[in-house]
Amino acid sequence: MTEKLFTYEEFQSLIDSSYDGIHITDDKGVTRFYNRACEEIEGISKEDIIGRSVQEFVDSGVYPESITLEAIRQKKRVNMFQHINGCNRQVELNTLSQIRFNSSSKLRLNTFFFK
């Protein structure tokens, strides 16, 4: 049996301390994790985004387009230059979406990073 290197809380704290924004959604585009760097980059708080669909933020104009929704639609890795209108400020980001599939080829998780 392999010993775990980190507890869930330790792993979450490690990811949360990254300088790169890490935004993790499920296969429907609902935000499951959003680190502090995302809050700083986009100007959107965790409380305002976790549990909500990325589509809501597209519909409201915060995200003019969504790399998350595009990766889910294409079912493959996507890279794009993305414009964000968060909290009365505009940010332009190079984003990368990395998707994962489970053993039955069903989309399991969509993650994107801000560079």
N, C-alpha and C. Protein backbone atom coordinates (compact mmCIF):
# COMPACT_ATOMS: atom_id res chain seq x y z
N MET A 1 0.84 -1.18 0.00
CA MET A 1 0.00 0.00 0.00
C MET A 1 0.88 1.25 0.00
N THR A 2 0.53 2.22 -0.81
CA THR A 2 1.30 3.45 -0.93
C THR A 2 0.83 4.46 0.10
N GLU A 3 1.78 5.06 0.79
CA GLU A 3 1.46 6.08 1.77
C GLU A 3 1.17 7.39 1.06
N LYS A 4 0.13 8.11 1.50
CA LYS A 4 -0.21 9.40 0.92
C LYS A 4 0.83 10.44 1.33
N LEU A 5 1.22 11.26 0.39
CA LEU A 5 2.20 12.30 0.66
C LEU A 5 1.58 13.49 1.38
N PHE A 6 0.30 13.76 1.07
CA PHE A 6 -0.38 14.92 1.63
C PHE A 6 -1.79 14.53 2.05
N THR A 7 -2.30 15.21 3.06
CA THR A 7 -3.72 15.11 3.35
C THR A 7 -4.44 15.99 2.32
N TYR A 8 -5.74 15.86 2.24
CA TYR A 8 -6.51 16.71 1.32
C TYR A 8 -6.30 18.19 1.65
N GLU A 9 -6.33 18.51 2.93
CA GLU A 9 -6.17 19.89 3.36
C GLU A 9 -4.79 20.43 3.02
N GLU A 10 -3.76 19.62 3.18
CA GLU A 10 -2.40 20.05 2.83
C GLU A 10 -2.27 20.26 1.32
N PHE A 11 -2.85 19.35 0.54
CA PHE A 11 -2.80 19.49 -0.91
C PHE A 11 -3.55 20.75 -1.35
N GLN A 12 -4.72 20.98 -0.77
CA GLN A 12 -5.50 22.16 -1.10
C GLN A 12 -4.73 23.44 -0.76
N SER A 13 -4.07 23.45 0.38
CA SER A 13 -3.27 24.60 0.80
C SER A 13 -2.10 24.83 -0.16
N LEU A 14 -1.47 23.76 -0.63
CA LEU A 14 -0.37 23.86 -1.58
C LEU A 14 -0.84 24.48 -2.90
N ILE A 15 -1.93 23.99 -3.44
CA ILE A 15 -2.48 24.52 -4.69
C ILE A 15 -2.94 25.96 -4.51
N ASP A 16 -3.52 26.24 -3.35
CA ASP A 16 -4.02 27.58 -3.08
C ASP A 16 -2.89 28.60 -2.99
N SER A 17 -1.67 28.17 -2.68
CA SER A 17 -0.55 29.10 -2.55
C SER A 17 0.19 29.33 -3.87
N SER A 18 -0.24 28.71 -4.96
CA SER A 18 0.40 28.88 -6.26
C SER A 18 0.23 30.31 -6.77
N TYR A 19 1.25 30.80 -7.49
CA TYR A 19 1.14 32.11 -8.13
C TYR A 19 0.31 32.06 -9.41
N ASP A 20 0.17 30.87 -9.98
CA ASP A 20 -0.67 30.69 -11.17
C ASP A 20 -2.10 30.46 -10.71
N GLY A 21 -3.04 31.02 -11.46
CA GLY A 21 -4.45 30.80 -11.14
C GLY A 21 -4.85 29.39 -11.54
N ILE A 22 -5.51 28.69 -10.65
CA ILE A 22 -5.98 27.34 -10.93
C ILE A 22 -7.48 27.31 -10.66
N HIS A 23 -8.24 27.05 -11.71
CA HIS A 23 -9.70 27.05 -11.66
C HIS A 23 -10.14 25.67 -12.12
N ILE A 24 -10.74 24.90 -11.24
CA ILE A 24 -11.13 23.52 -11.55
C ILE A 24 -12.64 23.43 -11.60
N THR A 25 -13.14 22.86 -12.68
CA THR A 25 -14.58 22.66 -12.84
C THR A 25 -14.88 21.18 -13.06
N ASP A 26 -16.16 20.85 -12.93
CA ASP A 26 -16.57 19.49 -13.26
C ASP A 26 -16.94 19.41 -14.74
N ASP A 27 -17.50 18.28 -15.16
CA ASP A 27 -17.81 18.07 -16.58
C ASP A 27 -18.97 18.91 -17.08
N LYS A 28 -19.65 19.63 -16.21
CA LYS A 28 -20.74 20.54 -16.61
C LYS A 28 -20.28 22.00 -16.59
N GLY A 29 -19.03 22.24 -16.19
CA GLY A 29 -18.52 23.60 -16.13
C GLY A 29 -18.82 24.30 -14.81
N VAL A 30 -19.18 23.54 -13.78
CA VAL A 30 -19.44 24.11 -12.46
C VAL A 30 -18.13 24.16 -11.69
N THR A 31 -17.82 25.32 -11.13
CA THR A 31 -16.56 25.52 -10.42
C THR A 31 -16.53 24.70 -9.13
N ARG A 32 -15.46 23.91 -8.97
CA ARG A 32 -15.25 23.09 -7.78
C ARG A 32 -14.08 23.59 -6.94
N PHE A 33 -13.10 24.25 -7.58
CA PHE A 33 -11.96 24.81 -6.86
C PHE A 33 -11.50 26.06 -7.59
N TYR A 34 -11.09 27.05 -6.83
CA TYR A 34 -10.67 28.35 -7.37
C TYR A 34 -9.65 28.90 -6.39
N ASN A 35 -8.39 28.98 -6.78
CA ASN A 35 -7.37 29.36 -5.81
C ASN A 35 -7.23 30.87 -5.63
N ARG A 36 -6.42 31.26 -4.66
CA ARG A 36 -6.25 32.68 -4.34
C ARG A 36 -5.71 33.48 -5.51
N ALA A 37 -4.82 32.89 -6.28
CA ALA A 37 -4.28 33.60 -7.44
C ALA A 37 -5.39 33.95 -8.43
N CYS A 38 -6.37 33.07 -8.60
CA CYS A 38 -7.52 33.38 -9.46
C CYS A 38 -8.28 34.58 -8.92
N GLU A 39 -8.47 34.60 -7.60
CA GLU A 39 -9.17 35.74 -6.99
C GLU A 39 -8.44 37.05 -7.31
N GLU A 40 -7.12 37.03 -7.18
CA GLU A 40 -6.33 38.23 -7.43
C GLU A 40 -6.31 38.60 -8.91
N ILE A 41 -6.16 37.62 -9.77
CA ILE A 41 -6.08 37.86 -11.21
C ILE A 41 -7.41 38.34 -11.77
N GLU A 42 -8.49 37.65 -11.44
CA GLU A 42 -9.79 37.94 -12.02
C GLU A 42 -10.61 38.96 -11.23
N GLY A 43 -10.30 39.10 -9.94
CA GLY A 43 -11.10 40.01 -9.12
C GLY A 43 -12.45 39.43 -8.74
N ILE A 44 -12.55 38.10 -8.71
CA ILE A 44 -13.78 37.41 -8.33
C ILE A 44 -13.45 36.57 -7.09
N SER A 45 -14.27 36.66 -6.06
CA SER A 45 -14.00 35.91 -4.84
C SER A 45 -14.42 34.45 -4.98
N LYS A 46 -13.78 33.59 -4.20
CA LYS A 46 -14.14 32.16 -4.17
C LYS A 46 -15.62 32.00 -3.85
N GLU A 47 -16.10 32.77 -2.90
CA GLU A 47 -17.49 32.67 -2.48
C GLU A 47 -18.47 32.96 -3.60
N ASP A 48 -18.05 33.84 -4.55
CA ASP A 48 -18.93 34.21 -5.66
C ASP A 48 -18.88 33.24 -6.83
N ILE A 49 -17.88 32.34 -6.87
CA ILE A 49 -17.74 31.50 -8.05
C ILE A 49 -17.86 29.99 -7.77
N ILE A 50 -17.42 29.52 -6.60
CA ILE A 50 -17.49 28.09 -6.32
C ILE A 50 -18.95 27.64 -6.25
N GLY A 51 -19.23 26.55 -6.97
CA GLY A 51 -20.59 26.01 -7.04
C GLY A 51 -21.44 26.60 -8.14
N ARG A 52 -20.89 27.55 -8.87
CA ARG A 52 -21.65 28.17 -9.97
C ARG A 52 -21.06 27.76 -11.31
N SER A 53 -21.90 27.74 -12.31
CA SER A 53 -21.49 27.36 -13.66
C SER A 53 -20.73 28.51 -14.32
N VAL A 54 -19.68 28.15 -15.05
CA VAL A 54 -18.93 29.13 -15.83
C VAL A 54 -19.87 29.81 -16.82
N GLN A 55 -20.88 29.08 -17.30
CA GLN A 55 -21.84 29.65 -18.26
C GLN A 55 -22.52 30.89 -17.69
N GLU A 56 -22.78 30.92 -16.39
CA GLU A 56 -23.38 32.10 -15.75
C GLU A 56 -22.49 33.33 -15.94
N PHE A 57 -21.18 33.13 -15.86
CA PHE A 57 -20.25 34.24 -15.99
C PHE A 57 -20.09 34.68 -17.45
N VAL A 58 -20.31 33.76 -18.38
CA VAL A 58 -20.34 34.12 -19.80
C VAL A 58 -21.62 34.91 -20.07
N ASP A 59 -22.75 34.40 -19.59
CA ASP A 59 -24.04 35.07 -19.81
C ASP A 59 -24.07 36.48 -19.24
N SER A 60 -23.39 36.70 -18.11
CA SER A 60 -23.39 38.02 -17.47
C SER A 60 -22.31 38.95 -18.03
N GLY A 61 -21.44 38.43 -18.91
CA GLY A 61 -20.41 39.26 -19.54
C GLY A 61 -19.09 39.33 -18.80
N VAL A 62 -18.97 38.63 -17.67
CA VAL A 62 -17.69 38.60 -16.95
C VAL A 62 -16.64 37.91 -17.81
N TYR A 63 -17.02 36.76 -18.40
CA TYR A 63 -16.18 36.06 -19.36
C TYR A 63 -16.83 36.20 -20.73
N PRO A 64 -16.24 36.98 -21.63
CA PRO A 64 -16.83 37.08 -22.98
C PRO A 64 -16.86 35.73 -23.70
N GLU A 65 -15.93 34.86 -23.35
CA GLU A 65 -15.91 33.49 -23.85
C GLU A 65 -15.26 32.64 -22.76
N SER A 66 -15.42 31.34 -22.85
CA SER A 66 -14.89 30.48 -21.80
C SER A 66 -14.07 29.35 -22.37
N ILE A 67 -12.82 29.29 -21.95
CA ILE A 67 -11.96 28.19 -22.34
C ILE A 67 -12.48 26.88 -21.76
N THR A 68 -13.08 26.95 -20.58
CA THR A 68 -13.64 25.76 -19.94
C THR A 68 -14.74 25.17 -20.81
N LEU A 69 -15.69 25.99 -21.22
CA LEU A 69 -16.81 25.49 -22.02
C LEU A 69 -16.32 25.01 -23.39
N GLU A 70 -15.31 25.68 -23.93
CA GLU A 70 -14.76 25.25 -25.22
C GLU A 70 -14.07 23.89 -25.10
N ALA A 71 -13.32 23.66 -24.03
CA ALA A 71 -12.66 22.37 -23.83
C ALA A 71 -13.69 21.26 -23.62
N ILE A 72 -14.75 21.55 -22.88
CA ILE A 72 -15.81 20.56 -22.68
C ILE A 72 -16.47 20.24 -24.02
N ARG A 73 -16.73 21.27 -24.83
CA ARG A 73 -17.37 21.06 -26.14
C ARG A 73 -16.48 20.24 -27.06
N GLN A 74 -15.18 20.59 -27.11
CA GLN A 74 -14.26 19.91 -28.03
C GLN A 74 -13.73 18.58 -27.48
N LYS A 75 -13.86 18.39 -26.15
CA LYS A 75 -13.34 17.19 -25.49
C LYS A 75 -11.84 17.00 -25.73
N LYS A 76 -11.13 18.13 -25.66
CA LYS A 76 -9.67 18.08 -25.80
C LYS A 76 -9.06 19.33 -25.18
N ARG A 77 -7.75 19.30 -25.05
CA ARG A 77 -6.99 20.43 -24.51
C ARG A 77 -7.14 21.64 -25.42
N VAL A 78 -7.32 22.81 -24.81
CA VAL A 78 -7.52 24.04 -25.57
C VAL A 78 -6.62 25.12 -24.98
N ASN A 79 -6.04 25.94 -25.83
CA ASN A 79 -5.25 27.08 -25.41
C ASN A 79 -5.83 28.31 -26.08
N MET A 80 -6.06 29.38 -25.33
CA MET A 80 -6.59 30.60 -25.93
C MET A 80 -6.17 31.81 -25.13
N PHE A 81 -6.24 32.94 -25.77
CA PHE A 81 -6.04 34.22 -25.11
C PHE A 81 -7.41 34.66 -24.65
N GLN A 82 -7.60 34.87 -23.35
CA GLN A 82 -8.92 35.12 -22.79
C GLN A 82 -8.99 36.49 -22.13
N HIS A 83 -10.11 37.16 -22.31
CA HIS A 83 -10.36 38.47 -21.74
C HIS A 83 -11.35 38.30 -20.59
N ILE A 84 -11.06 38.88 -19.43
CA ILE A 84 -11.91 38.74 -18.24
C ILE A 84 -12.35 40.13 -17.80
N ASN A 85 -13.63 40.30 -17.52
CA ASN A 85 -14.18 41.57 -17.02
C ASN A 85 -14.62 41.38 -15.57
N GLY A 86 -13.70 41.12 -14.66
CA GLY A 86 -14.05 40.84 -13.27
C GLY A 86 -13.98 42.07 -12.39
N CYS A 87 -14.99 42.26 -11.57
CA CYS A 87 -15.02 43.31 -10.53
C CYS A 87 -14.51 44.65 -11.03
N ASN A 88 -15.12 45.17 -12.06
CA ASN A 88 -14.81 46.51 -12.59
C ASN A 88 -13.39 46.67 -13.09
N ARG A 89 -12.77 45.58 -13.50
CA ARG A 89 -11.46 45.68 -14.12
C ARG A 89 -11.38 44.65 -15.24
N GLN A 90 -10.52 44.93 -16.19
CA GLN A 90 -10.35 44.02 -17.31
C GLN A 90 -8.97 43.40 -17.26
N VAL A 91 -8.91 42.10 -17.54
CA VAL A 91 -7.66 41.36 -17.51
C VAL A 91 -7.58 40.53 -18.78
N GLU A 92 -6.42 40.50 -19.40
CA GLU A 92 -6.20 39.64 -20.55
C GLU A 92 -5.20 38.57 -20.15
N LEU A 93 -5.55 37.30 -20.41
CA LEU A 93 -4.75 36.18 -19.95
C LEU A 93 -4.52 35.16 -21.05
N ASN A 94 -3.37 34.51 -21.01
CA ASN A 94 -3.12 33.34 -21.83
C ASN A 94 -3.55 32.16 -20.97
N THR A 95 -4.52 31.41 -21.43
CA THR A 95 -5.06 30.33 -20.63
C THR A 95 -4.88 28.98 -21.32
N LEU A 96 -4.78 27.96 -20.52
CA LEU A 96 -4.63 26.60 -21.01
C LEU A 96 -5.63 25.72 -20.28
N SER A 97 -6.39 24.97 -21.03
CA SER A 97 -7.34 24.05 -20.43
C SER A 97 -6.82 22.63 -20.58
N GLN A 98 -6.77 21.93 -19.48
CA GLN A 98 -6.33 20.53 -19.49
C GLN A 98 -7.49 19.68 -19.00
N ILE A 99 -7.97 18.78 -19.83
CA ILE A 99 -9.09 17.95 -19.42
C ILE A 99 -8.63 16.54 -19.14
N ARG A 100 -9.36 15.86 -18.31
CA ARG A 100 -9.06 14.48 -17.94
C ARG A 100 -10.29 13.63 -18.18
N PHE A 101 -10.05 12.38 -18.55
CA PHE A 101 -11.13 11.43 -18.77
C PHE A 101 -10.95 10.25 -17.84
N ASN A 102 -12.07 9.68 -17.40
CA ASN A 102 -11.96 8.46 -16.60
C ASN A 102 -11.80 7.26 -17.53
N SER A 103 -11.77 6.06 -17.01
CA SER A 103 -11.49 4.87 -17.81
C SER A 103 -12.56 4.58 -18.87
N SER A 104 -13.76 5.11 -18.69
CA SER A 104 -14.82 4.90 -19.69
C SER A 104 -14.92 6.06 -20.67
N SER A 105 -13.86 6.88 -20.75
CA SER A 105 -13.77 8.01 -21.66
C SER A 105 -14.80 9.10 -21.39
N LYS A 106 -15.31 9.17 -20.17
CA LYS A 106 -16.22 10.25 -19.80
C LYS A 106 -15.40 11.38 -19.18
N LEU A 107 -15.70 12.61 -19.60
CA LEU A 107 -15.00 13.76 -19.06
C LEU A 107 -15.16 13.80 -17.56
N ARG A 108 -14.07 13.86 -16.86
CA ARG A 108 -14.08 13.82 -15.41
C ARG A 108 -13.83 15.19 -14.80
N LEU A 109 -12.94 15.96 -15.38
CA LEU A 109 -12.53 17.20 -14.76
C LEU A 109 -11.92 18.13 -15.79
N ASN A 110 -12.19 19.39 -15.66
CA ASN A 110 -11.59 20.39 -16.53
C ASN A 110 -10.85 21.39 -15.66
N THR A 111 -9.61 21.64 -15.98
CA THR A 111 -8.78 22.54 -15.20
C THR A 111 -8.15 23.55 -16.13
N PHE A 112 -8.10 24.82 -15.74
CA PHE A 112 -7.31 25.73 -16.55
C PHE A 112 -6.45 26.61 -15.69
N PHE A 113 -5.33 27.00 -16.27
CA PHE A 113 -4.30 27.76 -15.58
C PHE A 113 -4.10 29.09 -16.26
N PHE A 114 -3.86 30.12 -15.51
CA PHE A 114 -3.54 31.43 -16.04
C PHE A 114 -2.03 31.59 -16.04
N LYS A 115 -1.49 32.04 -17.12
CA LYS A 115 -0.03 32.24 -17.22
C LYS A 115 0.26 33.71 -17.32
